[in-house]
Amino acid sequence: MGRLFVLSLEGKIYCCKHCRTHLALSEDIVSKSFQCKYGKAYLFGKVVNVTCGETEERTMMTGLHTVADIFCVGCGSIVGWKYETAHDKSQKYKEGKSVLERSGKDIRS
């Protein structure tokens, strides 16, 4: 197993609620109007310190998408998902972006 490199962010950050690993900056939020199984979720243009799982097709509220779950590199907890492909033209803006579940992270300033 290789050495784990974790990026530290400065400013208003979103962290894993389990291990406090930095995940994203508030300035990288694209939308706060997302929902997940457990409540609110935010769409981010950039996230750090995550690994991607296997891609799969999921039918969501906005249609069919190819997504991959994302996991915290610090503790392995699932923190959200990444949009790989949006099959509806109006949803293409999500491609390459990640959703962090609000229940899986903390906000730090």
C-alpha atoms as a PDB file:
ATOM      1  CA  MET A   1       0.000   0.000   0.000  1.00  0.00           C
ATOM      2  CA  GLY A   2       1.277   3.460  -0.903  1.00  0.00           C
ATOM      3  CA  ARG A   3       1.612   6.527   1.224  1.00  0.00           C
ATOM      4  CA  LEU A   4      -1.578   8.527   1.757  1.00  0.00           C
ATOM      5  CA  PHE A   5      -1.411  12.196   0.744  1.00  0.00           C
ATOM      6  CA  VAL A   6      -4.206  14.368   2.077  1.00  0.00           C
ATOM      7  CA  LEU A   7      -4.740  17.934   0.885  1.00  0.00           C
ATOM      8  CA  SER A   8      -5.520  20.613   3.465  1.00  0.00           C
ATOM      9  CA  LEU A   9      -7.838  23.421   2.425  1.00  0.00           C
ATOM     10  CA  GLU A  10      -8.098  26.962   3.776  1.00  0.00           C
ATOM     11  CA  GLY A  11     -11.253  29.018   4.165  1.00  0.00           C
ATOM     12  CA  LYS A  12     -14.799  27.785   4.733  1.00  0.00           C
ATOM     13  CA  ILE A  13     -14.408  24.047   4.237  1.00  0.00           C
ATOM     14  CA  TYR A  14     -16.565  20.952   4.226  1.00  0.00           C
ATOM     15  CA  CYS A  15     -15.088  18.002   6.148  1.00  0.00           C
ATOM     16  CA  CYS A  16     -15.877  14.336   6.632  1.00  0.00           C
ATOM     17  CA  LYS A  17     -17.964  14.090   9.811  1.00  0.00           C
ATOM     18  CA  HIS A  18     -16.183  10.895  10.863  1.00  0.00           C
ATOM     19  CA  CYS A  19     -12.516  11.867  10.563  1.00  0.00           C
ATOM     20  CA  ARG A  20     -12.524  15.614   9.715  1.00  0.00           C
ATOM     21  CA  THR A  21     -10.629  15.128   6.434  1.00  0.00           C
ATOM     22  CA  HIS A  22     -11.113  18.197   4.227  1.00  0.00           C
ATOM     23  CA  LEU A  23     -13.389  17.526   1.236  1.00  0.00           C
ATOM     24  CA  ALA A  24     -14.330  20.828  -0.429  1.00  0.00           C
ATOM     25  CA  LEU A  25     -14.470  24.611  -0.210  1.00  0.00           C
ATOM     26  CA  SER A  26     -17.756  26.481   0.038  1.00  0.00           C
ATOM     27  CA  GLU A  27     -16.737  28.590  -2.962  1.00  0.00           C
ATOM     28  CA  ASP A  28     -16.863  25.423  -5.112  1.00  0.00           C
ATOM     29  CA  ILE A  29     -20.585  24.856  -4.475  1.00  0.00           C
ATOM     30  CA  VAL A  30     -22.527  24.797  -7.742  1.00  0.00           C
ATOM     31  CA  SER A  31     -25.961  24.109  -6.200  1.00  0.00           C
ATOM     32  CA  LYS A  32     -27.481  23.582  -2.758  1.00  0.00           C
ATOM     33  CA  SER A  33     -30.782  22.220  -4.101  1.00  0.00           C
ATOM     34  CA  PHE A  34     -29.933  18.507  -4.142  1.00  0.00           C
ATOM     35  CA  GLN A  35     -31.478  15.689  -2.115  1.00  0.00           C
ATOM     36  CA  CYS A  36     -30.103  12.341  -1.042  1.00  0.00           C
ATOM     37  CA  LYS A  37     -31.559   9.440   0.941  1.00  0.00           C
ATOM     38  CA  TYR A  38     -30.810  11.120   4.243  1.00  0.00           C
ATOM     39  CA  GLY A  39     -31.592  14.773   3.498  1.00  0.00           C
ATOM     40  CA  LYS A  40     -29.828  17.691   1.855  1.00  0.00           C
ATOM     41  CA  ALA A  41     -26.872  17.415  -0.478  1.00  0.00           C
ATOM     42  CA  TYR A  42     -24.718  19.952  -2.321  1.00  0.00           C
ATOM     43  CA  LEU A  43     -23.297  19.801  -5.858  1.00  0.00           C
ATOM     44  CA  PHE A  44     -19.602  20.779  -5.987  1.00  0.00           C
ATOM     45  CA  GLY A  45     -17.457  21.601  -8.984  1.00  0.00           C
ATOM     46  CA  LYS A  46     -14.344  20.343  -7.171  1.00  0.00           C
ATOM     47  CA  VAL A  47     -13.776  17.947  -4.272  1.00  0.00           C
ATOM     48  CA  VAL A  48     -10.523  16.602  -2.810  1.00  0.00           C
ATOM     49  CA  ASN A  49      -9.424  13.684  -0.663  1.00  0.00           C
ATOM     50  CA  VAL A  50     -11.944  11.237  -2.121  1.00  0.00           C
ATOM     51  CA  THR A  51     -11.719   8.020  -4.113  1.00  0.00           C
ATOM     52  CA  CYS A  52     -14.300   6.816  -6.629  1.00  0.00           C
ATOM     53  CA  GLY A  53     -16.067   3.477  -6.549  1.00  0.00           C
ATOM     54  CA  GLU A  54     -17.434   1.517  -9.485  1.00  0.00           C
ATOM     55  CA  THR A  55     -19.637   3.360 -11.962  1.00  0.00           C
ATOM     56  CA  GLU A  56     -23.275   2.323 -12.224  1.00  0.00           C
ATOM     57  CA  GLU A  57     -26.502   3.470 -13.834  1.00  0.00           C
ATOM     58  CA  ARG A  58     -28.923   5.099 -11.372  1.00  0.00           C
ATOM     59  CA  THR A  59     -32.356   6.504 -11.951  1.00  0.00           C
ATOM     60  CA  MET A  60     -32.604   9.689  -9.921  1.00  0.00           C
ATOM     61  CA  MET A  61     -35.239  12.374  -9.612  1.00  0.00           C
ATOM     62  CA  THR A  62     -33.850  14.084 -12.730  1.00  0.00           C
ATOM     63  CA  GLY A  63     -33.512  10.955 -14.853  1.00  0.00           C
ATOM     64  CA  LEU A  64     -30.925   8.308 -15.671  1.00  0.00           C
ATOM     65  CA  HIS A  65     -27.277   9.035 -14.782  1.00  0.00           C
ATOM     66  CA  THR A  66     -24.012   7.106 -14.718  1.00  0.00           C
ATOM     67  CA  VAL A  67     -22.522   7.767 -11.274  1.00  0.00           C
ATOM     68  CA  ALA A  68     -19.824   6.492  -8.929  1.00  0.00           C
ATOM     69  CA  ASP A  69     -19.972   6.633  -5.144  1.00  0.00           C
ATOM     70  CA  ILE A  70     -17.171   8.686  -3.587  1.00  0.00           C
ATOM     71  CA  PHE A  71     -15.393   7.760  -0.368  1.00  0.00           C
ATOM     72  CA  CYS A  72     -13.301   9.749   2.110  1.00  0.00           C
ATOM     73  CA  VAL A  73      -9.613   8.823   1.805  1.00  0.00           C
ATOM     74  CA  GLY A  74      -9.157   9.345   5.540  1.00  0.00           C
ATOM     75  CA  CYS A  75     -11.650   6.817   6.857  1.00  0.00           C
ATOM     76  CA  GLY A  76     -13.334   5.167   3.847  1.00  0.00           C
ATOM     77  CA  SER A  77     -16.827   6.485   4.638  1.00  0.00           C
ATOM     78  CA  ILE A  78     -19.138   7.124   1.714  1.00  0.00           C
ATOM     79  CA  VAL A  79     -19.577  10.895   1.421  1.00  0.00           C
ATOM     80  CA  GLY A  80     -21.569  11.212  -1.812  1.00  0.00           C
ATOM     81  CA  TRP A  81     -21.350  10.445  -5.515  1.00  0.00           C
ATOM     82  CA  LYS A  82     -19.800  11.743  -8.734  1.00  0.00           C
ATOM     83  CA  TYR A  83     -21.726  12.246 -11.956  1.00  0.00           C
ATOM     84  CA  GLU A  84     -19.888  10.572 -14.815  1.00  0.00           C
ATOM     85  CA  THR A  85     -22.614  10.821 -17.491  1.00  0.00           C
ATOM     86  CA  ALA A  86     -25.997  12.492 -17.653  1.00  0.00           C
ATOM     87  CA  HIS A  87     -28.277  10.903 -20.245  1.00  0.00           C
ATOM     88  CA  ASP A  88     -30.653  13.884 -20.465  1.00  0.00           C
ATOM     89  CA  LYS A  89     -29.355  16.917 -22.364  1.00  0.00           C
ATOM     90  CA  SER A  90     -30.624  19.336 -19.708  1.00  0.00           C
ATOM     91  CA  GLN A  91     -28.581  17.538 -17.018  1.00  0.00           C
ATOM     92  CA  LYS A  92     -25.197  17.604 -18.819  1.00  0.00           C
ATOM     93  CA  TYR A  93     -23.957  20.409 -16.514  1.00  0.00           C
ATOM     94  CA  LYS A  94     -23.613  17.771 -13.739  1.00  0.00           C
ATOM     95  CA  GLU A  95     -21.022  15.684 -15.597  1.00  0.00           C
ATOM     96  CA  GLY A  96     -17.694  15.568 -13.780  1.00  0.00           C
ATOM     97  CA  LYS A  97     -19.155  17.208 -10.675  1.00  0.00           C
ATOM     98  CA  SER A  98     -19.654  15.631  -7.260  1.00  0.00           C
ATOM     99  CA  VAL A  99     -22.469  15.631  -4.740  1.00  0.00           C
ATOM    100  CA  LEU A 100     -21.566  15.629  -1.051  1.00  0.00           C
ATOM    101  CA  GLU A 101     -24.287  14.433   1.270  1.00  0.00           C
ATOM    102  CA  ARG A 102     -24.917  17.022   3.976  1.00  0.00           C
ATOM    103  CA  SER A 103     -25.283  14.301   6.614  1.00  0.00           C
ATOM    104  CA  GLY A 104     -21.776  13.020   5.904  1.00  0.00           C
ATOM    105  CA  LYS A 105     -19.776  16.193   6.450  1.00  0.00           C
ATOM    106  CA  ASP A 106     -19.161  19.114   8.774  1.00  0.00           C
ATOM    107  CA  ILE A 107     -18.576  22.774   7.956  1.00  0.00           C
ATOM    108  CA  ARG A 108     -15.460  24.435   9.353  1.00  0.00           C
ATOM    109  CA  SER A 109     -14.267  28.021   8.968  1.00  0.00           C
END
